[in-house]
N, C-alpha and C. Protein backbone atom coordinates (compact mmCIF):
# COMPACT_ATOMS: atom_id res chain seq x y z
N MET A 1 85.40 75.82 28.68
CA MET A 1 84.94 77.14 28.27
C MET A 1 83.78 77.60 29.16
N LEU A 2 82.84 76.65 29.45
CA LEU A 2 81.70 77.04 30.24
C LEU A 2 82.13 77.46 31.66
N GLU A 3 83.09 76.76 32.24
CA GLU A 3 83.58 77.13 33.55
C GLU A 3 84.24 78.51 33.53
N ALA A 4 84.99 78.82 32.48
CA ALA A 4 85.63 80.11 32.37
C ALA A 4 84.62 81.21 32.24
N ALA A 5 83.54 80.98 31.46
CA ALA A 5 82.48 81.99 31.31
C ALA A 5 81.76 82.22 32.59
N LEU A 6 81.50 81.17 33.34
CA LEU A 6 80.87 81.30 34.66
C LEU A 6 81.74 82.10 35.62
N GLU A 7 83.04 81.85 35.58
CA GLU A 7 83.95 82.59 36.44
C GLU A 7 83.90 84.09 36.11
N GLU A 8 83.90 84.40 34.82
CA GLU A 8 83.82 85.81 34.39
C GLU A 8 82.50 86.43 34.83
N LEU A 9 81.43 85.75 34.68
CA LEU A 9 80.09 86.20 35.10
C LEU A 9 80.05 86.44 36.58
N SER A 10 80.69 85.52 37.33
CA SER A 10 80.66 85.64 38.82
C SER A 10 81.28 86.93 39.31
N LEU A 11 82.17 87.51 38.53
CA LEU A 11 82.82 88.78 38.94
C LEU A 11 81.85 89.94 38.96
N SER A 12 80.72 89.81 38.29
CA SER A 12 79.74 90.93 38.17
C SER A 12 78.43 90.68 38.92
N LEU A 13 78.30 89.50 39.55
CA LEU A 13 77.07 89.15 40.24
C LEU A 13 77.36 88.91 41.70
N ASP A 14 76.69 89.62 42.61
CA ASP A 14 76.82 89.37 44.03
C ASP A 14 76.06 88.10 44.38
N GLY A 15 76.59 87.33 45.30
CA GLY A 15 75.94 86.08 45.74
C GLY A 15 75.83 85.08 44.61
N PHE A 16 76.79 85.06 43.72
CA PHE A 16 76.76 84.19 42.55
C PHE A 16 76.71 82.72 42.97
N ARG A 17 75.85 81.96 42.29
CA ARG A 17 75.77 80.50 42.39
C ARG A 17 75.50 79.90 41.06
N ALA A 18 76.01 78.72 40.83
CA ALA A 18 75.72 78.00 39.57
C ALA A 18 75.24 76.59 39.90
N ALA A 19 74.33 76.11 39.07
CA ALA A 19 73.83 74.76 39.19
C ALA A 19 74.83 73.75 38.63
N SER A 20 74.52 72.49 38.75
CA SER A 20 75.36 71.49 38.12
C SER A 20 75.30 71.63 36.64
N PHE A 21 76.23 70.92 35.95
CA PHE A 21 76.22 70.89 34.49
C PHE A 21 75.28 69.74 34.08
N TYR A 22 74.58 69.97 32.97
CA TYR A 22 73.68 68.99 32.40
C TYR A 22 73.95 68.84 30.95
N GLU A 23 74.06 67.58 30.53
CA GLU A 23 74.22 67.25 29.11
C GLU A 23 72.82 67.03 28.54
N THR A 24 72.56 67.65 27.44
CA THR A 24 71.19 67.58 26.89
C THR A 24 71.23 67.31 25.39
N GLU A 25 70.19 66.63 24.99
CA GLU A 25 70.02 66.38 23.56
C GLU A 25 69.49 67.67 22.92
N PRO A 26 69.80 67.92 21.65
CA PRO A 26 69.29 69.12 21.01
C PRO A 26 67.78 69.07 20.96
N LEU A 27 67.17 70.22 21.15
CA LEU A 27 65.72 70.26 21.25
C LEU A 27 65.06 70.57 19.90
N TYR A 28 65.57 71.54 19.18
CA TYR A 28 64.87 72.01 17.98
C TYR A 28 65.50 71.48 16.68
N VAL A 29 66.82 71.46 16.60
CA VAL A 29 67.55 71.00 15.44
C VAL A 29 68.29 69.74 15.88
N LYS A 30 67.86 68.60 15.39
CA LYS A 30 68.35 67.31 15.94
C LYS A 30 69.70 66.86 15.37
N ASP A 31 70.10 67.37 14.19
CA ASP A 31 71.33 66.85 13.55
C ASP A 31 72.59 67.58 14.07
N GLN A 32 72.81 67.47 15.36
CA GLN A 32 74.00 68.07 15.98
C GLN A 32 74.29 67.33 17.28
N GLY A 33 75.43 67.65 17.85
CA GLY A 33 75.85 66.98 19.05
C GLY A 33 75.08 67.40 20.28
N LEU A 34 75.48 66.79 21.41
CA LEU A 34 74.85 67.10 22.67
C LEU A 34 75.30 68.50 23.12
N PHE A 35 74.45 69.12 23.97
CA PHE A 35 74.74 70.44 24.57
C PHE A 35 75.10 70.27 26.01
N LEU A 36 75.84 71.23 26.51
CA LEU A 36 76.17 71.30 27.95
C LEU A 36 75.53 72.55 28.50
N ASN A 37 74.69 72.38 29.52
CA ASN A 37 73.89 73.51 30.05
C ASN A 37 74.03 73.59 31.54
N THR A 38 73.83 74.81 32.05
CA THR A 38 73.71 75.08 33.47
C THR A 38 72.93 76.36 33.62
N VAL A 39 72.65 76.72 34.84
CA VAL A 39 72.00 77.99 35.18
C VAL A 39 72.79 78.63 36.30
N ALA A 40 72.97 79.93 36.22
CA ALA A 40 73.62 80.68 37.29
C ALA A 40 72.71 81.75 37.79
N GLU A 41 72.91 82.16 39.02
CA GLU A 41 72.14 83.27 39.58
C GLU A 41 73.01 84.16 40.43
N GLY A 42 72.52 85.36 40.63
CA GLY A 42 73.18 86.33 41.48
C GLY A 42 72.49 87.66 41.34
N PHE A 43 72.87 88.58 42.18
CA PHE A 43 72.27 89.92 42.18
C PHE A 43 73.09 90.84 41.27
N TYR A 44 72.39 91.48 40.35
CA TYR A 44 73.02 92.45 39.42
C TYR A 44 72.37 93.79 39.65
N ALA A 45 73.13 94.77 40.06
CA ALA A 45 72.57 96.05 40.45
C ALA A 45 72.21 96.98 39.30
N ALA A 46 72.81 96.78 38.14
CA ALA A 46 72.57 97.62 37.00
C ALA A 46 71.34 97.11 36.21
N PRO A 47 70.87 97.86 35.21
CA PRO A 47 69.71 97.46 34.46
C PRO A 47 69.94 96.17 33.67
N PRO A 48 68.87 95.44 33.37
CA PRO A 48 69.03 94.17 32.61
C PRO A 48 69.67 94.36 31.23
N GLU A 49 69.50 95.53 30.63
CA GLU A 49 70.16 95.78 29.34
C GLU A 49 71.68 95.77 29.48
N ASP A 50 72.19 96.22 30.60
CA ASP A 50 73.62 96.17 30.88
C ASP A 50 74.07 94.76 31.09
N LEU A 51 73.24 93.95 31.71
CA LEU A 51 73.60 92.52 31.90
C LEU A 51 73.64 91.84 30.53
N LEU A 52 72.74 92.16 29.67
CA LEU A 52 72.76 91.62 28.31
C LEU A 52 74.02 91.97 27.59
N ALA A 53 74.46 93.19 27.68
CA ALA A 53 75.72 93.61 27.05
C ALA A 53 76.90 92.82 27.66
N LEU A 54 76.89 92.61 28.97
CA LEU A 54 77.93 91.85 29.61
C LEU A 54 78.01 90.43 29.14
N VAL A 55 76.87 89.72 29.08
CA VAL A 55 76.88 88.32 28.67
C VAL A 55 77.25 88.21 27.17
N GLN A 56 76.82 89.15 26.38
CA GLN A 56 77.22 89.10 24.97
C GLN A 56 78.72 89.33 24.79
N ALA A 57 79.31 90.16 25.64
CA ALA A 57 80.75 90.38 25.57
C ALA A 57 81.49 89.12 26.00
N ILE A 58 80.99 88.39 26.98
CA ILE A 58 81.60 87.13 27.40
C ILE A 58 81.50 86.09 26.30
N GLU A 59 80.32 86.03 25.65
CA GLU A 59 80.17 85.09 24.54
C GLU A 59 81.18 85.41 23.42
N LYS A 60 81.30 86.67 23.07
CA LYS A 60 82.20 87.06 22.01
C LYS A 60 83.65 86.77 22.38
N LYS A 61 84.03 87.01 23.59
CA LYS A 61 85.39 86.70 24.08
C LYS A 61 85.71 85.23 23.89
N HIS A 62 84.68 84.38 24.02
CA HIS A 62 84.92 82.95 23.87
C HIS A 62 84.62 82.42 22.49
N GLY A 63 84.60 83.31 21.48
CA GLY A 63 84.53 82.92 20.11
C GLY A 63 83.19 82.84 19.47
N ARG A 64 82.15 83.30 20.12
CA ARG A 64 80.83 83.19 19.51
C ARG A 64 80.72 84.25 18.41
N LYS A 65 80.28 83.76 17.24
CA LYS A 65 80.02 84.63 16.08
C LYS A 65 78.59 84.39 15.64
N ARG A 66 77.70 85.18 16.15
CA ARG A 66 76.24 85.00 15.88
C ARG A 66 75.94 84.98 14.39
N SER A 67 76.61 85.76 13.60
CA SER A 67 76.30 85.86 12.18
C SER A 67 76.67 84.55 11.43
N ALA A 68 77.47 83.71 12.01
CA ALA A 68 77.94 82.47 11.38
C ALA A 68 77.13 81.23 11.88
N GLU A 69 76.12 81.48 12.71
CA GLU A 69 75.37 80.34 13.30
C GLU A 69 74.05 80.14 12.63
N ARG A 70 73.60 78.88 12.69
CA ARG A 70 72.21 78.61 12.28
C ARG A 70 71.38 78.67 13.57
N ARG A 71 70.14 79.09 13.39
CA ARG A 71 69.24 79.21 14.56
C ARG A 71 69.13 77.85 15.27
N TRP A 72 69.31 77.86 16.56
CA TRP A 72 69.23 76.69 17.44
C TRP A 72 70.25 75.63 17.10
N GLY A 73 71.30 76.04 16.40
CA GLY A 73 72.37 75.14 16.06
C GLY A 73 73.52 75.21 17.09
N GLU A 74 74.57 74.45 16.79
CA GLU A 74 75.75 74.45 17.69
C GLU A 74 76.36 75.85 17.75
N ARG A 75 76.92 76.15 18.91
CA ARG A 75 77.62 77.41 19.06
C ARG A 75 78.66 77.24 20.16
N THR A 76 79.59 78.11 20.18
CA THR A 76 80.67 77.96 21.17
C THR A 76 80.16 78.23 22.58
N LEU A 77 79.28 79.20 22.74
CA LEU A 77 78.77 79.61 24.02
C LEU A 77 77.49 80.39 23.86
N ASP A 78 76.50 80.11 24.65
CA ASP A 78 75.23 80.84 24.59
C ASP A 78 74.76 81.13 26.00
N ILE A 79 74.73 82.40 26.38
CA ILE A 79 74.29 82.77 27.70
C ILE A 79 72.97 83.52 27.56
N ASP A 80 71.93 82.93 28.10
CA ASP A 80 70.59 83.56 28.06
C ASP A 80 70.27 84.15 29.44
N ILE A 81 69.54 85.24 29.44
CA ILE A 81 69.00 85.77 30.66
C ILE A 81 67.60 85.18 30.81
N LEU A 82 67.45 84.28 31.74
CA LEU A 82 66.16 83.61 31.93
C LEU A 82 65.20 84.47 32.73
N LEU A 83 65.68 85.03 33.82
CA LEU A 83 64.87 85.84 34.74
C LEU A 83 65.71 87.01 35.21
N PHE A 84 65.02 88.04 35.66
CA PHE A 84 65.71 89.21 36.28
C PHE A 84 64.81 89.61 37.41
N GLY A 85 64.96 88.89 38.54
CA GLY A 85 64.08 89.06 39.66
C GLY A 85 62.67 88.74 39.24
N SER A 86 61.73 89.63 39.59
CA SER A 86 60.33 89.41 39.18
C SER A 86 59.94 90.30 38.02
N ARG A 87 60.93 90.89 37.36
CA ARG A 87 60.64 91.81 36.30
C ARG A 87 60.15 91.09 35.05
N VAL A 88 59.27 91.77 34.32
CA VAL A 88 58.79 91.29 33.05
C VAL A 88 59.17 92.37 32.02
N ILE A 89 59.96 91.98 31.03
CA ILE A 89 60.44 92.95 30.01
C ILE A 89 60.08 92.35 28.66
N HIS A 90 59.41 93.15 27.87
CA HIS A 90 59.05 92.73 26.51
C HIS A 90 59.55 93.83 25.54
N ASN A 91 60.78 93.58 25.04
CA ASN A 91 61.40 94.53 24.14
C ASN A 91 62.11 93.76 23.02
N PRO A 92 61.31 92.94 22.25
CA PRO A 92 61.97 92.17 21.18
C PRO A 92 62.41 93.08 20.09
N PRO A 93 63.48 92.74 19.36
CA PRO A 93 64.25 91.50 19.53
C PRO A 93 65.38 91.66 20.51
N LEU A 94 65.51 92.82 21.16
CA LEU A 94 66.63 93.05 22.09
C LEU A 94 66.55 92.16 23.33
N LEU A 95 65.45 92.21 24.07
CA LEU A 95 65.41 91.56 25.34
C LEU A 95 64.01 91.20 25.76
N GLU A 96 63.81 89.93 26.14
CA GLU A 96 62.53 89.48 26.69
C GLU A 96 62.80 88.69 27.96
N ILE A 97 62.21 89.14 29.05
CA ILE A 97 62.35 88.49 30.35
C ILE A 97 60.99 88.33 30.94
N PRO A 98 60.60 87.13 31.41
CA PRO A 98 61.40 85.91 31.37
C PRO A 98 61.69 85.46 29.94
N HIS A 99 62.72 84.66 29.78
CA HIS A 99 63.08 84.14 28.45
C HIS A 99 61.80 83.54 27.81
N PRO A 100 61.48 83.93 26.58
CA PRO A 100 60.20 83.55 25.97
C PRO A 100 60.02 82.02 25.80
N ARG A 101 61.07 81.23 25.79
CA ARG A 101 60.91 79.80 25.62
C ARG A 101 61.35 78.99 26.84
N LEU A 102 61.50 79.67 27.93
CA LEU A 102 61.90 79.00 29.17
C LEU A 102 60.98 77.89 29.59
N ARG A 103 59.70 78.12 29.49
CA ARG A 103 58.69 77.17 29.95
C ARG A 103 58.67 75.88 29.14
N GLU A 104 59.31 75.86 27.97
CA GLU A 104 59.29 74.66 27.12
C GLU A 104 60.66 73.96 27.09
N ARG A 105 61.61 74.43 27.91
CA ARG A 105 62.98 73.93 27.83
C ARG A 105 63.41 73.26 29.16
N ALA A 106 63.33 71.93 29.16
CA ALA A 106 63.75 71.20 30.35
C ALA A 106 65.23 71.47 30.63
N PHE A 107 66.03 71.66 29.59
CA PHE A 107 67.47 71.90 29.79
C PHE A 107 67.73 73.18 30.56
N ALA A 108 66.81 74.10 30.59
CA ALA A 108 66.96 75.28 31.43
C ALA A 108 66.19 75.17 32.73
N LEU A 109 65.02 74.53 32.71
CA LEU A 109 64.21 74.42 33.91
C LEU A 109 64.88 73.51 34.96
N VAL A 110 65.47 72.42 34.55
CA VAL A 110 66.08 71.51 35.54
C VAL A 110 67.17 72.20 36.35
N PRO A 111 68.14 72.85 35.70
CA PRO A 111 69.16 73.53 36.55
C PRO A 111 68.61 74.74 37.30
N LEU A 112 67.61 75.46 36.70
CA LEU A 112 66.96 76.56 37.40
C LEU A 112 66.35 76.07 38.72
N LEU A 113 65.63 74.96 38.60
CA LEU A 113 64.97 74.43 39.79
C LEU A 113 65.94 73.84 40.80
N GLU A 114 67.12 73.43 40.33
CA GLU A 114 68.20 72.99 41.26
C GLU A 114 68.58 74.13 42.17
N LEU A 115 68.63 75.34 41.62
CA LEU A 115 69.00 76.51 42.42
C LEU A 115 67.83 77.06 43.23
N ASP A 116 66.64 76.98 42.70
CA ASP A 116 65.45 77.49 43.40
C ASP A 116 64.26 76.64 43.05
N ASP A 117 63.97 75.69 43.92
CA ASP A 117 62.87 74.74 43.60
C ASP A 117 61.51 75.35 43.72
N SER A 118 61.42 76.59 44.16
CA SER A 118 60.11 77.26 44.26
C SER A 118 59.97 78.39 43.23
N ALA A 119 60.87 78.39 42.24
CA ALA A 119 60.83 79.46 41.23
C ALA A 119 59.49 79.49 40.49
N LYS A 120 58.99 80.71 40.24
CA LYS A 120 57.72 80.87 39.57
C LYS A 120 57.87 81.84 38.41
N GLU A 121 57.04 81.66 37.43
CA GLU A 121 56.97 82.57 36.28
C GLU A 121 56.45 83.92 36.78
N PRO A 122 57.20 85.03 36.57
CA PRO A 122 56.79 86.30 37.12
C PRO A 122 55.40 86.79 36.70
N HIS A 123 55.07 86.65 35.45
CA HIS A 123 53.78 87.25 34.96
C HIS A 123 52.58 86.39 35.25
N SER A 124 52.75 85.06 35.40
CA SER A 124 51.60 84.21 35.62
C SER A 124 51.52 83.63 37.04
N GLY A 125 52.67 83.56 37.69
CA GLY A 125 52.73 82.97 39.00
C GLY A 125 52.79 81.43 38.97
N LEU A 126 52.83 80.85 37.73
CA LEU A 126 52.91 79.40 37.63
C LEU A 126 54.27 78.91 38.12
N ALA A 127 54.26 77.82 38.87
CA ALA A 127 55.51 77.22 39.37
C ALA A 127 56.25 76.57 38.19
N TYR A 128 57.54 76.86 38.05
CA TYR A 128 58.32 76.23 37.01
C TYR A 128 58.38 74.73 37.22
N GLY A 129 58.33 74.28 38.47
CA GLY A 129 58.31 72.81 38.73
C GLY A 129 57.09 72.14 38.09
N SER A 130 55.93 72.82 38.14
CA SER A 130 54.73 72.28 37.52
C SER A 130 54.87 72.25 35.98
N LEU A 131 55.46 73.30 35.44
CA LEU A 131 55.68 73.38 34.01
C LEU A 131 56.64 72.27 33.54
N LEU A 132 57.66 72.00 34.33
CA LEU A 132 58.61 70.98 33.98
C LEU A 132 57.97 69.63 33.88
N LYS A 133 57.00 69.35 34.76
CA LYS A 133 56.32 68.08 34.76
C LYS A 133 55.56 67.82 33.46
N THR A 134 55.25 68.87 32.73
CA THR A 134 54.54 68.68 31.44
C THR A 134 55.48 68.37 30.29
N LEU A 135 56.78 68.47 30.51
CA LEU A 135 57.77 68.21 29.47
C LEU A 135 58.29 66.80 29.57
N SER A 136 58.50 66.18 28.45
CA SER A 136 59.07 64.85 28.47
C SER A 136 59.96 64.62 27.26
N GLY A 137 60.83 63.63 27.39
CA GLY A 137 61.65 63.22 26.25
C GLY A 137 62.71 64.22 25.80
N GLN A 138 63.17 65.08 26.69
CA GLN A 138 64.19 66.04 26.30
C GLN A 138 65.62 65.62 26.65
N GLY A 139 65.78 64.51 27.31
CA GLY A 139 67.11 63.96 27.51
C GLY A 139 68.09 64.82 28.29
N VAL A 140 67.68 65.26 29.48
CA VAL A 140 68.52 66.07 30.34
C VAL A 140 69.17 65.15 31.38
N ARG A 141 70.53 65.15 31.33
CA ARG A 141 71.28 64.24 32.22
C ARG A 141 72.34 65.06 32.98
N ARG A 142 72.37 64.94 34.26
CA ARG A 142 73.36 65.61 35.10
C ARG A 142 74.77 65.05 34.85
N VAL A 143 75.72 65.92 34.70
CA VAL A 143 77.10 65.51 34.51
C VAL A 143 77.80 65.58 35.85
N ASP A 144 78.33 64.45 36.33
CA ASP A 144 79.00 64.41 37.63
C ASP A 144 80.47 64.70 37.50
């Protein structure tokens, strides 16, 4: 399912690339199975709100029913917008960029840094690599 969602996303992003897949232990709610994560990047010419609508449509197509989920629980597919160039958007609950919990999630930072090892937080300029070094015990394992 993740590969199919990436393929669909690639149709709308120029220069599309995806990181490796990573198996990760649940971070917030521990009584659930392992998660499969990756990060993708590409150029999107339309506004970030349009990208949000696109990723939510892909999630829905693959069976995601947000109303039936518990927060931070298992789900069929979850596509987050981590960054949108160097833009900072604060429009909760609709859209926050950079993703408000990116700096605390090794499962997102590891594949992000695989694609861009010099990635920095847009509003602070802090290197995501430095932030990743402060995180431990999150069980992120590359799937070969």
